[in-house]
Amino acid sequence: AGKRYFPAEIAAELANHLGQECLTPREVQVLQLIARGHSNKQVAGELALSEDTVKGHLRNIMDKLGANNRTHAVTIGIERGFIGL
């Protein structure tokens, strides 16, 4: 009693959208370092990654959050509680 049901199409779309917004633990680490003003090279050194890997993580972060650039990604990350300052 009192339960709500969504049509399968809507439930699938919601699940897909929510999945896109979830950042991996590594993406959260990268975003946190970017928020602190680190360059890609500095992030790579801090996390023992290649600079290309950091760029890939940043691309994924921006895609998942719908951000236009790294500053926008940080702003969205803070607003959605992925990272703090």
PDB file of N, CA and C in Angstrom:
ATOM      1  N   ALA A   1       0.839  -1.181   0.000  1.00  0.00           N
ATOM      2  CA  ALA A   1       0.000   0.000   0.000  1.00  0.00           C
ATOM      3  C   ALA A   1       0.882   1.241   0.000  1.00  0.00           C
ATOM      4  N   GLY A   2       0.479   2.221  -0.794  1.00  0.00           N
ATOM      5  CA  GLY A   2       1.209   3.470  -0.840  1.00  0.00           C
ATOM      6  C   GLY A   2       2.474   3.450  -1.668  1.00  0.00           C
ATOM      7  N   LYS A   3       2.747   2.340  -2.339  1.00  0.00           N
ATOM      8  CA  LYS A   3       3.963   2.265  -3.154  1.00  0.00           C
ATOM      9  C   LYS A   3       3.701   2.883  -4.520  1.00  0.00           C
ATOM     10  N   ARG A   4       4.742   3.475  -5.072  1.00  0.00           N
ATOM     11  CA  ARG A   4       4.639   4.051  -6.408  1.00  0.00           C
ATOM     12  C   ARG A   4       5.477   3.230  -7.363  1.00  0.00           C
ATOM     13  N   TYR A   5       4.966   3.078  -8.537  1.00  0.00           N
ATOM     14  CA  TYR A   5       5.678   2.318  -9.557  1.00  0.00           C
ATOM     15  C   TYR A   5       5.889   3.197 -10.777  1.00  0.00           C
ATOM     16  N   PHE A   6       7.057   3.055 -11.390  1.00  0.00           N
ATOM     17  CA  PHE A   6       7.373   3.782 -12.604  1.00  0.00           C
ATOM     18  C   PHE A   6       7.334   2.809 -13.768  1.00  0.00           C
ATOM     19  N   PRO A   7       6.914   3.267 -14.930  1.00  0.00           N
ATOM     20  CA  PRO A   7       7.034   2.409 -16.112  1.00  0.00           C
ATOM     21  C   PRO A   7       8.502   2.025 -16.314  1.00  0.00           C
ATOM     22  N   ALA A   8       8.739   0.858 -16.872  1.00  0.00           N
ATOM     23  CA  ALA A   8      10.099   0.337 -17.051  1.00  0.00           C
ATOM     24  C   ALA A   8      10.987   1.318 -17.807  1.00  0.00           C
ATOM     25  N   GLU A   9      10.421   1.998 -18.811  1.00  0.00           N
ATOM     26  CA  GLU A   9      11.218   2.939 -19.611  1.00  0.00           C
ATOM     27  C   GLU A   9      11.738   4.086 -18.745  1.00  0.00           C
ATOM     28  N   ILE A  10      10.887   4.599 -17.889  1.00  0.00           N
ATOM     29  CA  ILE A  10      11.284   5.715 -17.026  1.00  0.00           C
ATOM     30  C   ILE A  10      12.291   5.241 -15.985  1.00  0.00           C
ATOM     31  N   ALA A  11      12.057   4.079 -15.404  1.00  0.00           N
ATOM     32  CA  ALA A  11      12.990   3.536 -14.414  1.00  0.00           C
ATOM     33  C   ALA A  11      14.368   3.317 -15.033  1.00  0.00           C
ATOM     34  N   ALA A  12      14.399   2.802 -16.259  1.00  0.00           N
ATOM     35  CA  ALA A  12      15.678   2.567 -16.938  1.00  0.00           C
ATOM     36  C   ALA A  12      16.392   3.884 -17.212  1.00  0.00           C
ATOM     37  N   GLU A  13      15.645   4.893 -17.628  1.00  0.00           N
ATOM     38  CA  GLU A  13      16.245   6.205 -17.912  1.00  0.00           C
ATOM     39  C   GLU A  13      16.782   6.839 -16.631  1.00  0.00           C
ATOM     40  N   LEU A  14      16.042   6.734 -15.543  1.00  0.00           N
ATOM     41  CA  LEU A  14      16.509   7.266 -14.263  1.00  0.00           C
ATOM     42  C   LEU A  14      17.773   6.556 -13.804  1.00  0.00           C
ATOM     43  N   ALA A  15      17.792   5.243 -13.918  1.00  0.00           N
ATOM     44  CA  ALA A  15      18.969   4.475 -13.510  1.00  0.00           C
ATOM     45  C   ALA A  15      20.170   4.854 -14.359  1.00  0.00           C
ATOM     46  N   ASN A  16      19.955   5.034 -15.642  1.00  0.00           N
ATOM     47  CA  ASN A  16      21.048   5.414 -16.543  1.00  0.00           C
ATOM     48  C   ASN A  16      21.575   6.797 -16.182  1.00  0.00           C
ATOM     49  N   HIS A  17      20.688   7.735 -15.922  1.00  0.00           N
ATOM     50  CA  HIS A  17      21.090   9.101 -15.583  1.00  0.00           C
ATOM     51  C   HIS A  17      21.846   9.135 -14.257  1.00  0.00           C
ATOM     52  N   LEU A  18      21.353   8.420 -13.272  1.00  0.00           N
ATOM     53  CA  LEU A  18      22.021   8.403 -11.974  1.00  0.00           C
ATOM     54  C   LEU A  18      23.391   7.763 -12.072  1.00  0.00           C
ATOM     55  N   GLY A  19      23.512   6.726 -12.879  1.00  0.00           N
ATOM     56  CA  GLY A  19      24.798   6.059 -13.052  1.00  0.00           C
ATOM     57  C   GLY A  19      25.832   6.972 -13.667  1.00  0.00           C
ATOM     58  N   GLN A  20      25.392   7.860 -14.544  1.00  0.00           N
ATOM     59  CA  GLN A  20      26.314   8.781 -15.201  1.00  0.00           C
ATOM     60  C   GLN A  20      26.900   9.775 -14.209  1.00  0.00           C
ATOM     61  N   GLU A  21      26.166  10.096 -13.166  1.00  0.00           N
ATOM     62  CA  GLU A  21      26.619  11.107 -12.221  1.00  0.00           C
ATOM     63  C   GLU A  21      27.518  10.546 -11.129  1.00  0.00           C
ATOM     64  N   CYS A  22      27.619   9.236 -11.021  1.00  0.00           N
ATOM     65  CA  CYS A  22      28.441   8.642  -9.975  1.00  0.00           C
ATOM     66  C   CYS A  22      29.906   8.689 -10.381  1.00  0.00           C
ATOM     67  N   LEU A  23      30.712   9.275  -9.537  1.00  0.00           N
ATOM     68  CA  LEU A  23      32.145   9.325  -9.799  1.00  0.00           C
ATOM     69  C   LEU A  23      32.822   8.165  -9.088  1.00  0.00           C
ATOM     70  N   THR A  24      33.856   7.625  -9.718  1.00  0.00           N
ATOM     71  CA  THR A  24      34.640   6.575  -9.079  1.00  0.00           C
ATOM     72  C   THR A  24      35.488   7.209  -7.973  1.00  0.00           C
ATOM     73  N   PRO A  25      35.967   6.403  -7.038  1.00  0.00           N
ATOM     74  CA  PRO A  25      36.847   6.959  -5.999  1.00  0.00           C
ATOM     75  C   PRO A  25      38.063   7.682  -6.590  1.00  0.00           C
ATOM     76  N   ARG A  26      38.638   7.157  -7.659  1.00  0.00           N
ATOM     77  CA  ARG A  26      39.796   7.802  -8.294  1.00  0.00           C
ATOM     78  C   ARG A  26      39.395   9.140  -8.917  1.00  0.00           C
ATOM     79  N   GLU A  27      38.219   9.193  -9.541  1.00  0.00           N
ATOM     80  CA  GLU A  27      37.752  10.453 -10.120  1.00  0.00           C
ATOM     81  C   GLU A  27      37.535  11.497  -9.033  1.00  0.00           C
ATOM     82  N   VAL A  28      37.039  11.077  -7.893  1.00  0.00           N
ATOM     83  CA  VAL A  28      36.862  12.001  -6.762  1.00  0.00           C
ATOM     84  C   VAL A  28      38.221  12.524  -6.300  1.00  0.00           C
ATOM     85  N   GLN A  29      39.221  11.641  -6.230  1.00  0.00           N
ATOM     86  CA  GLN A  29      40.575  12.075  -5.849  1.00  0.00           C
ATOM     87  C   GLN A  29      41.101  13.117  -6.832  1.00  0.00           C
ATOM     88  N   VAL A  30      40.944  12.837  -8.118  1.00  0.00           N
ATOM     89  CA  VAL A  30      41.416  13.764  -9.151  1.00  0.00           C
ATOM     90  C   VAL A  30      40.696  15.099  -9.011  1.00  0.00           C
ATOM     91  N   LEU A  31      39.380  15.064  -8.863  1.00  0.00           N
ATOM     92  CA  LEU A  31      38.600  16.296  -8.759  1.00  0.00           C
ATOM     93  C   LEU A  31      39.002  17.099  -7.523  1.00  0.00           C
ATOM     94  N   GLN A  32      39.258  16.416  -6.417  1.00  0.00           N
ATOM     95  CA  GLN A  32      39.673  17.104  -5.187  1.00  0.00           C
ATOM     96  C   GLN A  32      41.001  17.830  -5.399  1.00  0.00           C
ATOM     97  N   LEU A  33      41.940  17.178  -6.065  1.00  0.00           N
ATOM     98  CA  LEU A  33      43.239  17.814  -6.319  1.00  0.00           C
ATOM     99  C   LEU A  33      43.107  18.977  -7.301  1.00  0.00           C
ATOM    100  N   ILE A  34      42.245  18.827  -8.290  1.00  0.00           N
ATOM    101  CA  ILE A  34      41.985  19.924  -9.232  1.00  0.00           C
ATOM    102  C   ILE A  34      41.390  21.107  -8.463  1.00  0.00           C
ATOM    103  N   ALA A  35      40.484  20.815  -7.527  1.00  0.00           N
ATOM    104  CA  ALA A  35      39.860  21.871  -6.723  1.00  0.00           C
ATOM    105  C   ALA A  35      40.892  22.626  -5.897  1.00  0.00           C
ATOM    106  N   ARG A  36      41.964  21.948  -5.516  1.00  0.00           N
ATOM    107  CA  ARG A  36      43.033  22.589  -4.740  1.00  0.00           C
ATOM    108  C   ARG A  36      44.005  23.356  -5.630  1.00  0.00           C
ATOM    109  N   GLY A  37      43.724  23.393  -6.928  1.00  0.00           N
ATOM    110  CA  GLY A  37      44.547  24.179  -7.836  1.00  0.00           C
ATOM    111  C   GLY A  37      45.677  23.428  -8.502  1.00  0.00           C
ATOM    112  N   HIS A  38      45.713  22.109  -8.353  1.00  0.00           N
ATOM    113  CA  HIS A  38      46.779  21.318  -8.970  1.00  0.00           C
ATOM    114  C   HIS A  38      46.611  21.259 -10.490  1.00  0.00           C
ATOM    115  N   SER A  39      47.715  21.281 -11.190  1.00  0.00           N
ATOM    116  CA  SER A  39      47.713  21.063 -12.639  1.00  0.00           C
ATOM    117  C   SER A  39      47.590  19.563 -12.903  1.00  0.00           C
ATOM    118  N   ASN A  40      47.339  19.198 -14.159  1.00  0.00           N
ATOM    119  CA  ASN A  40      47.287  17.777 -14.515  1.00  0.00           C
ATOM    120  C   ASN A  40      48.595  17.083 -14.152  1.00  0.00           C
ATOM    121  N   LYS A  41      49.703  17.768 -14.395  1.00  0.00           N
ATOM    122  CA  LYS A  41      51.016  17.196 -14.099  1.00  0.00           C
ATOM    123  C   LYS A  41      51.178  16.964 -12.594  1.00  0.00           C
ATOM    124  N   GLN A  42      50.733  17.922 -11.789  1.00  0.00           N
ATOM    125  CA  GLN A  42      50.826  17.780 -10.333  1.00  0.00           C
ATOM    126  C   GLN A  42      49.929  16.649  -9.825  1.00  0.00           C
ATOM    127  N   VAL A  43      48.721  16.548 -10.390  1.00  0.00           N
ATOM    128  CA  VAL A  43      47.809  15.461 -10.017  1.00  0.00           C
ATOM    129  C   VAL A  43      48.448  14.123 -10.357  1.00  0.00           C
ATOM    130  N   ALA A  44      49.035  14.034 -11.547  1.00  0.00           N
ATOM    131  CA  ALA A  44      49.691  12.797 -11.982  1.00  0.00           C
ATOM    132  C   ALA A  44      50.793  12.398 -11.003  1.00  0.00           C
ATOM    133  N   GLY A  45      51.610  13.352 -10.600  1.00  0.00           N
ATOM    134  CA  GLY A  45      52.687  13.071  -9.656  1.00  0.00           C
ATOM    135  C   GLY A  45      52.171  12.639  -8.299  1.00  0.00           C
ATOM    136  N   GLU A  46      51.146  13.309  -7.830  1.00  0.00           N
ATOM    137  CA  GLU A  46      50.566  13.014  -6.513  1.00  0.00           C
ATOM    138  C   GLU A  46      49.950  11.614  -6.461  1.00  0.00           C
ATOM    139  N   LEU A  47      49.299  11.206  -7.561  1.00  0.00           N
ATOM    140  CA  LEU A  47      48.582   9.926  -7.578  1.00  0.00           C
ATOM    141  C   LEU A  47      49.347   8.820  -8.301  1.00  0.00           C
ATOM    142  N   ALA A  48      50.577   9.102  -8.707  1.00  0.00           N
ATOM    143  CA  ALA A  48      51.409   8.127  -9.424  1.00  0.00           C
ATOM    144  C   ALA A  48      50.712   7.617 -10.686  1.00  0.00           C
ATOM    145  N   LEU A  49      50.210   8.566 -11.474  1.00  0.00           N
ATOM    146  CA  LEU A  49      49.551   8.268 -12.740  1.00  0.00           C
ATOM    147  C   LEU A  49      50.267   9.005 -13.853  1.00  0.00           C
ATOM    148  N   SER A  50      49.994   8.607 -15.090  1.00  0.00           N
ATOM    149  CA  SER A  50      50.511   9.388 -16.211  1.00  0.00           C
ATOM    150  C   SER A  50      49.609  10.610 -16.393  1.00  0.00           C
ATOM    151  N   GLU A  51      50.156  11.623 -17.020  1.00  0.00           N
ATOM    152  CA  GLU A  51      49.363  12.826 -17.276  1.00  0.00           C
ATOM    153  C   GLU A  51      48.185  12.509 -18.197  1.00  0.00           C
ATOM    154  N   ASP A  52      48.387  11.596 -19.150  1.00  0.00           N
ATOM    155  CA  ASP A  52      47.297  11.190 -20.043  1.00  0.00           C
ATOM    156  C   ASP A  52      46.164  10.514 -19.275  1.00  0.00           C
ATOM    157  N   THR A  53      46.510   9.721 -18.268  1.00  0.00           N
ATOM    158  CA  THR A  53      45.484   9.073 -17.442  1.00  0.00           C
ATOM    159  C   THR A  53      44.687  10.119 -16.675  1.00  0.00           C
ATOM    160  N   VAL A  54      45.364  11.120 -16.154  1.00  0.00           N
ATOM    161  CA  VAL A  54      44.677  12.206 -15.448  1.00  0.00           C
ATOM    162  C   VAL A  54      43.730  12.926 -16.404  1.00  0.00           C
ATOM    163  N   LYS A  55      44.197  13.200 -17.622  1.00  0.00           N
ATOM    164  CA  LYS A  55      43.343  13.859 -18.619  1.00  0.00           C
ATOM    165  C   LYS A  55      42.115  13.012 -18.922  1.00  0.00           C
ATOM    166  N   GLY A  56      42.293  11.693 -18.997  1.00  0.00           N
ATOM    167  CA  GLY A  56      41.163  10.790 -19.226  1.00  0.00           C
ATOM    168  C   GLY A  56      40.164  10.831 -18.083  1.00  0.00           C
ATOM    169  N   HIS A  57      40.675  10.820 -16.855  1.00  0.00           N
ATOM    170  CA  HIS A  57      39.788  10.927 -15.688  1.00  0.00           C
ATOM    171  C   HIS A  57      39.032  12.250 -15.720  1.00  0.00           C
ATOM    172  N   LEU A  58      39.727  13.315 -16.060  1.00  0.00           N
ATOM    173  CA  LEU A  58      39.093  14.630 -16.102  1.00  0.00           C
ATOM    174  C   LEU A  58      38.005  14.687 -17.179  1.00  0.00           C
ATOM    175  N   ARG A  59      38.270  14.083 -18.331  1.00  0.00           N
ATOM    176  CA  ARG A  59      37.254  14.005 -19.390  1.00  0.00           C
ATOM    177  C   ARG A  59      36.023  13.249 -18.888  1.00  0.00           C
ATOM    178  N   ASN A  60      36.252  12.111 -18.225  1.00  0.00           N
ATOM    179  CA  ASN A  60      35.136  11.323 -17.691  1.00  0.00           C
ATOM    180  C   ASN A  60      34.349  12.113 -16.653  1.00  0.00           C
ATOM    181  N   ILE A  61      35.062  12.812 -15.783  1.00  0.00           N
ATOM    182  CA  ILE A  61      34.414  13.626 -14.750  1.00  0.00           C
ATOM    183  C   ILE A  61      33.526  14.680 -15.401  1.00  0.00           C
ATOM    184  N   MET A  62      34.068  15.390 -16.376  1.00  0.00           N
ATOM    185  CA  MET A  62      33.306  16.456 -17.032  1.00  0.00           C
ATOM    186  C   MET A  62      32.096  15.888 -17.772  1.00  0.00           C
ATOM    187  N   ASP A  63      32.259  14.728 -18.413  1.00  0.00           N
ATOM    188  CA  ASP A  63      31.130  14.086 -19.092  1.00  0.00           C
ATOM    189  C   ASP A  63      30.047  13.694 -18.094  1.00  0.00           C
ATOM    190  N   LYS A  64      30.439  13.060 -17.009  1.00  0.00           N
ATOM    191  CA  LYS A  64      29.477  12.599 -16.008  1.00  0.00           C
ATOM    192  C   LYS A  64      28.734  13.751 -15.346  1.00  0.00           C
ATOM    193  N   LEU A  65      29.436  14.847 -15.102  1.00  0.00           N
ATOM    194  CA  LEU A  65      28.829  15.989 -14.411  1.00  0.00           C
ATOM    195  C   LEU A  65      28.205  16.998 -15.365  1.00  0.00           C
ATOM    196  N   GLY A  66      28.444  16.833 -16.667  1.00  0.00           N
ATOM    197  CA  GLY A  66      27.927  17.796 -17.636  1.00  0.00           C
ATOM    198  C   GLY A  66      28.641  19.131 -17.554  1.00  0.00           C
ATOM    199  N   ALA A  67      29.918  19.089 -17.200  1.00  0.00           N
ATOM    200  CA  ALA A  67      30.704  20.315 -17.024  1.00  0.00           C
ATOM    201  C   ALA A  67      31.354  20.739 -18.337  1.00  0.00           C
ATOM    202  N   ASN A  68      31.542  22.042 -18.493  1.00  0.00           N
ATOM    203  CA  ASN A  68      32.163  22.599 -19.695  1.00  0.00           C
ATOM    204  C   ASN A  68      33.680  22.659 -19.594  1.00  0.00           C
ATOM    205  N   ASN A  69      34.192  22.745 -18.372  1.00  0.00           N
ATOM    206  CA  ASN A  69      35.637  22.836 -18.156  1.00  0.00           C
ATOM    207  C   ASN A  69      35.950  22.380 -16.730  1.00  0.00           C
ATOM    208  N   ARG A  70      37.227  22.372 -16.381  1.00  0.00           N
ATOM    209  CA  ARG A  70      37.629  21.847 -15.072  1.00  0.00           C
ATOM    210  C   ARG A  70      37.088  22.684 -13.916  1.00  0.00           C
ATOM    211  N   THR A  71      37.029  23.995 -14.084  1.00  0.00           N
ATOM    212  CA  THR A  71      36.489  24.858 -13.029  1.00  0.00           C
ATOM    213  C   THR A  71      35.009  24.570 -12.813  1.00  0.00           C
ATOM    214  N   HIS A  72      34.287  24.397 -13.905  1.00  0.00           N
ATOM    215  CA  HIS A  72      32.867  24.064 -13.833  1.00  0.00           C
ATOM    216  C   HIS A  72      32.684  22.704 -13.157  1.00  0.00           C
ATOM    217  N   ALA A  73      33.552  21.749 -13.459  1.00  0.00           N
ATOM    218  CA  ALA A  73      33.487  20.417 -12.839  1.00  0.00           C
ATOM    219  C   ALA A  73      33.673  20.521 -11.327  1.00  0.00           C
ATOM    220  N   VAL A  74      34.616  21.350 -10.896  1.00  0.00           N
ATOM    221  CA  VAL A  74      34.848  21.544  -9.458  1.00  0.00           C
ATOM    222  C   VAL A  74      33.609  22.153  -8.808  1.00  0.00           C
ATOM    223  N   THR A  75      33.036  23.165  -9.438  1.00  0.00           N
ATOM    224  CA  THR A  75      31.838  23.815  -8.904  1.00  0.00           C
ATOM    225  C   THR A  75      30.703  22.813  -8.748  1.00  0.00           C
ATOM    226  N   ILE A  76      30.462  22.020  -9.784  1.00  0.00           N
ATOM    227  CA  ILE A  76      29.402  21.010  -9.731  1.00  0.00           C
ATOM    228  C   ILE A  76      29.731  19.961  -8.669  1.00  0.00           C
ATOM    229  N   GLY A  77      30.989  19.545  -8.608  1.00  0.00           N
ATOM    230  CA  GLY A  77      31.408  18.553  -7.620  1.00  0.00           C
ATOM    231  C   GLY A  77      31.147  19.006  -6.197  1.00  0.00           C
ATOM    232  N   ILE A  78      31.384  20.285  -5.934  1.00  0.00           N
ATOM    233  CA  ILE A  78      31.119  20.848  -4.603  1.00  0.00           C
ATOM    234  C   ILE A  78      29.614  20.913  -4.349  1.00  0.00           C
ATOM    235  N   GLU A  79      28.864  21.416  -5.340  1.00  0.00           N
ATOM    236  CA  GLU A  79      27.414  21.549  -5.193  1.00  0.00           C
ATOM    237  C   GLU A  79      26.745  20.207  -4.931  1.00  0.00           C
ATOM    238  N   ARG A  80      27.242  19.150  -5.561  1.00  0.00           N
ATOM    239  CA  ARG A  80      26.618  17.823  -5.431  1.00  0.00           C
ATOM    240  C   ARG A  80      27.235  16.988  -4.313  1.00  0.00           C
ATOM    241  N   GLY A  81      28.181  17.564  -3.595  1.00  0.00           N
ATOM    242  CA  GLY A  81      28.734  16.891  -2.431  1.00  0.00           C
ATOM    243  C   GLY A  81      29.784  15.832  -2.718  1.00  0.00           C
ATOM    244  N   PHE A  82      30.315  15.805  -3.937  1.00  0.00           N
ATOM    245  CA  PHE A  82      31.376  14.846  -4.250  1.00  0.00           C
ATOM    246  C   PHE A  82      32.679  15.223  -3.557  1.00  0.00           C
ATOM    247  N   ILE A  83      32.921  16.525  -3.456  1.00  0.00           N
ATOM    248  CA  ILE A  83      34.153  17.014  -2.834  1.00  0.00           C
ATOM    249  C   ILE A  83      33.830  18.185  -1.919  1.00  0.00           C
ATOM    250  N   GLY A  84      34.746  18.465  -1.012  1.00  0.00           N
ATOM    251  CA  GLY A  84      34.641  19.637  -0.155  1.00  0.00           C
ATOM    252  C   GLY A  84      35.916  20.447  -0.282  1.00  0.00           C
ATOM    253  N   LEU A  85      35.883  21.645   0.209  1.00  0.00           N
ATOM    254  CA  LEU A  85      37.078  22.493   0.143  1.00  0.00           C
ATOM    255  C   LEU A  85      37.818  22.485   1.455  1.00  0.00           C
TER     256      LEU A  85
END
